[in-house]
Structures are given as structure tokens and as C-alpha cells.
């Protein structure tokens, strides 16, 4: 015959075991859900739109100019800013903000940024070996850009306005991972 004390210990052990099994399956389900979201097949990627970069900035305070800024500001701005990339243009990387061919954006790294009229996107796939950016990234940032083929791995796009108390929201989709060293 099992004593009441032993029976209680068995009941508690089973309850803990059941809780662990429940947590395991909940964790497994969550991981599976995340992997389904992240792991997209090439067929779905080919039939879907390009990367989406939607930027929404909200600020209400101006900041005072300082002499130690490396970026030439677009100007002091307050209030909401929303970029929907409705214009069609290509922004090419430049070393200094004041050299940017675009009055709003400075592409500091990543070779090219494209606005399609609907979305903003980086390079897709390999950079042609004939490109000046291929040679530049091959010689200066070979590891993170995979020998110059993928400068979008170190993409950095900056808005040229100055803001204080900045809140931002960026939506993006990664179509394909190029893992580098």
C-alpha cells in the first residue's frame, strides 16, 4: 500500500512533469511558428514584392546645431515625417552627407538604394564584378560583403534632418540571407 506522503510526492512529480511537457510543446510551437515566418521558399520570394522599408518618424522638439556634427543637416524639423518611397530614384553611396545626390537621404554604406515608386530596397543578389563598388568593397570590406559581391550586408541609410526625441518604425523583409565571415 502507498502511503499518503508518497502518493502526494508522486502527484507533485507528475504535475511538474506535465508542466514541463506543456512548456516544451508551447516553446516548440512558438519556435516552429517563427521558423515558418523566417524560412521562405525561393518560389514565394520570386513571386513577392521587393524589400519594403517604410519609415515613420515622430518628433516634436527642435535641437540646437552643434559644430561637431559630421552630417550636414537637411534642416530643423518638427512633427511627423512619413516616407512612402513614392518617387522612383536611385541613391548611390557617398562618403559624406553633403555629397549625397539626394536632398533627404544619405547612403553611407551598401552601394545603392532604390526607390521603386512603391517600396525602398537594397541591392538584390550579387553586385556585378564590373561595378566600381564591387572593387571598393572587395578591397576595403571583403569579409562582411563576401568579397565585394554583397555590399547590402552592411547597408546604412540615414535621413539628413536633425530630430530630438525620435521615434521610428521600420518595416522590412529579408528575401535571402547571404552569410559572411
Protein backbone atom coordinates (compact mmCIF):
# COMPACT_ATOMS: atom_id res chain seq x y z
CA UNK A 1 0.00 0.00 0.00
CA UNK A 2 1.27 3.50 -0.89
CA UNK A 3 1.40 5.96 1.96
CA UNK A 4 -0.36 9.31 1.68
CA UNK A 5 3.03 11.11 1.79
CA UNK A 6 4.41 9.00 -1.11
CA UNK A 7 1.18 9.49 -3.04
CA UNK A 8 1.50 13.30 -2.68
CA UNK A 9 5.14 13.20 -3.84
CA UNK A 10 4.15 11.18 -6.92
CA UNK A 11 1.27 13.57 -7.66
CA UNK A 12 3.54 16.63 -7.38
CA UNK A 13 6.21 14.95 -9.56
CA UNK A 14 3.61 14.15 -12.24
CA UNK A 15 2.26 17.71 -12.09
CA UNK A 16 5.77 19.14 -12.56
CA UNK A 17 6.46 16.68 -15.37
CA UNK A 18 3.17 17.62 -17.05
CA UNK A 19 4.01 21.32 -16.74
CA UNK A 20 7.42 20.72 -18.30
CA UNK A 21 5.87 18.79 -21.18
CA UNK A 22 3.33 21.59 -21.68
CA UNK A 23 6.08 24.26 -21.72
CA UNK A 24 8.16 22.15 -24.10
CA UNK A 25 5.33 21.90 -26.63
CA UNK A 26 4.46 25.59 -26.27
CA UNK A 27 8.11 26.50 -26.87
CA UNK A 28 8.31 24.08 -29.79
CA UNK A 29 5.15 25.58 -31.32
CA UNK A 30 6.49 29.11 -30.93
CA UNK A 31 9.85 28.19 -32.48
CA UNK A 32 8.09 26.41 -35.33
CA UNK A 33 5.91 29.47 -35.96
CA UNK A 34 8.96 31.76 -36.04
CA UNK A 35 10.83 29.41 -38.38
CA UNK A 36 7.85 29.28 -40.75
CA UNK A 37 7.83 33.07 -40.88
CA UNK A 38 11.59 33.34 -41.43
CA UNK A 39 12.05 30.37 -43.79
CA UNK A 40 10.50 31.33 -47.10
CA UNK A 41 10.96 29.25 -50.21
CA UNK A 42 12.53 30.73 -53.34
CA UNK A 43 9.21 30.34 -55.19
CA UNK A 44 7.39 32.60 -52.77
CA UNK A 45 10.25 35.10 -52.83
CA UNK A 46 10.27 35.25 -56.62
CA UNK A 47 6.53 35.99 -56.71
CA UNK A 48 6.53 38.61 -53.97
CA UNK A 49 7.47 42.30 -53.98
CA UNK A 50 10.96 43.51 -53.18
CA UNK A 51 12.20 44.57 -49.76
CA UNK A 52 9.98 47.09 -48.04
CA UNK A 53 11.45 49.86 -45.96
CA UNK A 54 8.79 52.09 -44.50
CA UNK A 55 10.00 54.85 -42.23
CA UNK A 56 7.78 56.84 -39.90
CA UNK A 57 9.43 59.45 -37.72
CA UNK A 58 7.70 61.38 -34.96
CA UNK A 59 9.25 64.23 -33.07
CA UNK A 60 8.08 67.47 -31.56
CA UNK A 61 11.25 69.18 -30.34
CA UNK A 62 13.93 71.01 -32.27
CA UNK A 63 17.60 70.65 -31.43
CA UNK A 64 20.28 73.28 -31.44
CA UNK A 65 23.00 72.99 -34.09
CA UNK A 66 26.43 71.87 -32.96
CA UNK A 67 29.79 72.26 -34.60
CA UNK A 68 30.86 68.64 -34.07
CA UNK A 69 28.29 67.06 -36.44
CA UNK A 70 29.70 65.10 -39.37
CA UNK A 71 26.40 65.38 -41.24
CA UNK A 72 25.13 68.48 -42.97
CA UNK A 73 21.52 68.60 -41.80
CA UNK A 74 18.57 68.94 -44.09
CA UNK A 75 17.28 71.46 -41.60
CA UNK A 76 15.49 71.56 -38.31
CA UNK A 77 12.25 69.66 -38.49
CA UNK A 78 9.41 69.03 -36.12
CA UNK A 79 6.27 66.98 -36.32
CA UNK A 80 5.57 63.79 -38.20
CA UNK A 81 7.53 62.55 -41.17
CA UNK A 82 6.42 59.61 -43.26
CA UNK A 83 8.36 58.16 -46.20
CA UNK A 84 6.39 56.00 -48.60
CA UNK A 85 9.08 55.89 -51.32
CA UNK A 86 6.52 57.06 -53.89
CA UNK A 87 9.14 58.56 -56.18
CA UNK A 88 11.35 56.47 -58.45
CA UNK A 89 15.06 57.08 -57.91
CA UNK A 90 18.41 55.50 -57.16
CA UNK A 91 20.64 56.76 -54.38
CA UNK A 92 24.31 55.91 -54.65
CA UNK A 93 26.65 55.61 -51.68
CA UNK A 94 28.86 58.60 -50.91
CA UNK A 95 31.39 59.20 -48.15
CA UNK A 96 29.97 62.48 -46.82
CA UNK A 97 26.35 63.56 -46.34
CA UNK A 98 26.90 66.86 -48.12
CA UNK A 99 27.97 64.93 -51.24
CA UNK A 100 24.74 62.93 -51.40
CA UNK A 101 22.84 63.24 -54.64
CA UNK A 102 19.59 63.18 -52.66
CA UNK A 103 18.44 66.11 -50.54
CA UNK A 104 16.72 63.88 -47.92
CA UNK A 105 18.76 60.66 -47.72
CA UNK A 106 22.44 59.84 -47.33
CA UNK A 107 23.51 56.31 -48.24
CA UNK A 108 26.62 55.79 -46.14
CA UNK A 109 27.12 52.09 -46.88
CA UNK A 110 25.63 49.46 -49.18
CA UNK A 111 26.46 50.79 -52.69
CA UNK A 112 22.90 51.53 -53.91
CA UNK A 113 19.42 52.20 -52.58
CA UNK A 114 16.47 52.00 -54.95
CA UNK A 115 13.05 53.61 -54.64
CA UNK A 116 10.62 51.88 -56.98
CA UNK A 117 7.65 54.19 -56.53
CA UNK A 118 6.14 51.79 -54.02
CA UNK A 119 8.98 50.49 -51.84
CA UNK A 120 12.59 51.17 -50.95
CA UNK A 121 15.08 48.35 -51.38
CA UNK A 122 18.73 47.45 -51.34
CA UNK A 123 20.63 45.53 -53.99
CA UNK A 124 19.16 42.13 -54.75
CA UNK A 125 21.68 39.37 -55.43
CA UNK A 126 25.31 39.77 -56.48
CA UNK A 127 26.87 43.08 -57.42
CA UNK A 128 28.41 42.84 -60.92
CA UNK A 129 32.19 42.46 -60.80
CA UNK A 130 32.47 45.35 -63.27
CA UNK A 131 30.97 47.75 -60.70
CA UNK A 132 33.23 50.28 -59.01
CA UNK A 133 31.50 49.32 -55.75
CA UNK A 134 32.46 45.67 -56.20
CA UNK A 135 36.13 46.66 -56.37
CA UNK A 136 35.78 49.10 -53.46
CA UNK A 137 34.08 46.61 -51.14
CA UNK A 138 36.39 43.80 -52.25
CA UNK A 139 39.41 45.81 -51.13
CA UNK A 140 38.03 47.54 -48.01
CA UNK A 141 35.24 45.33 -46.59
CA UNK A 142 35.81 41.94 -48.14
CA UNK A 143 34.57 39.76 -45.26
CA UNK A 144 31.22 41.41 -44.48
CA UNK A 145 30.44 41.97 -48.17
CA UNK A 146 31.52 38.47 -49.24
CA UNK A 147 34.39 39.62 -51.39
CA UNK A 148 32.51 42.66 -52.70
CA UNK A 149 29.50 40.70 -54.01
CA UNK A 150 27.03 41.80 -51.32
CA UNK A 151 27.66 45.36 -50.02
CA UNK A 152 23.99 45.35 -48.94
CA UNK A 153 25.16 43.21 -45.99
CA UNK A 154 26.46 46.43 -44.43
CA UNK A 155 23.68 48.74 -45.61
CA UNK A 156 23.34 52.09 -43.81
CA UNK A 157 20.79 54.71 -44.95
CA UNK A 158 20.48 57.94 -42.95
CA UNK A 159 17.91 60.72 -43.13
CA UNK A 160 19.59 64.11 -43.29
CA UNK A 161 17.30 66.00 -40.92
CA UNK A 162 18.06 66.58 -37.25
CA UNK A 163 15.48 65.40 -34.73
CA UNK A 164 15.16 65.12 -30.99
CA UNK A 165 13.02 62.59 -29.09
CA UNK A 166 12.94 60.46 -32.19
CA UNK A 167 10.59 57.51 -32.53
CA UNK A 168 10.86 55.41 -35.63
CA UNK A 169 9.23 52.39 -37.14
CA UNK A 170 10.83 50.45 -39.94
CA UNK A 171 9.17 47.51 -41.68
CA UNK A 172 11.35 45.24 -43.76
CA UNK A 173 11.52 41.81 -45.29
CA UNK A 174 14.64 39.74 -45.86
CA UNK A 175 14.30 37.75 -49.09
CA UNK A 176 17.52 35.78 -48.83
CA UNK A 177 20.38 35.51 -46.34
CA UNK A 178 23.97 35.74 -47.54
CA UNK A 179 26.03 34.66 -44.56
CA UNK A 180 29.51 36.13 -44.49
CA UNK A 181 32.57 35.51 -42.32
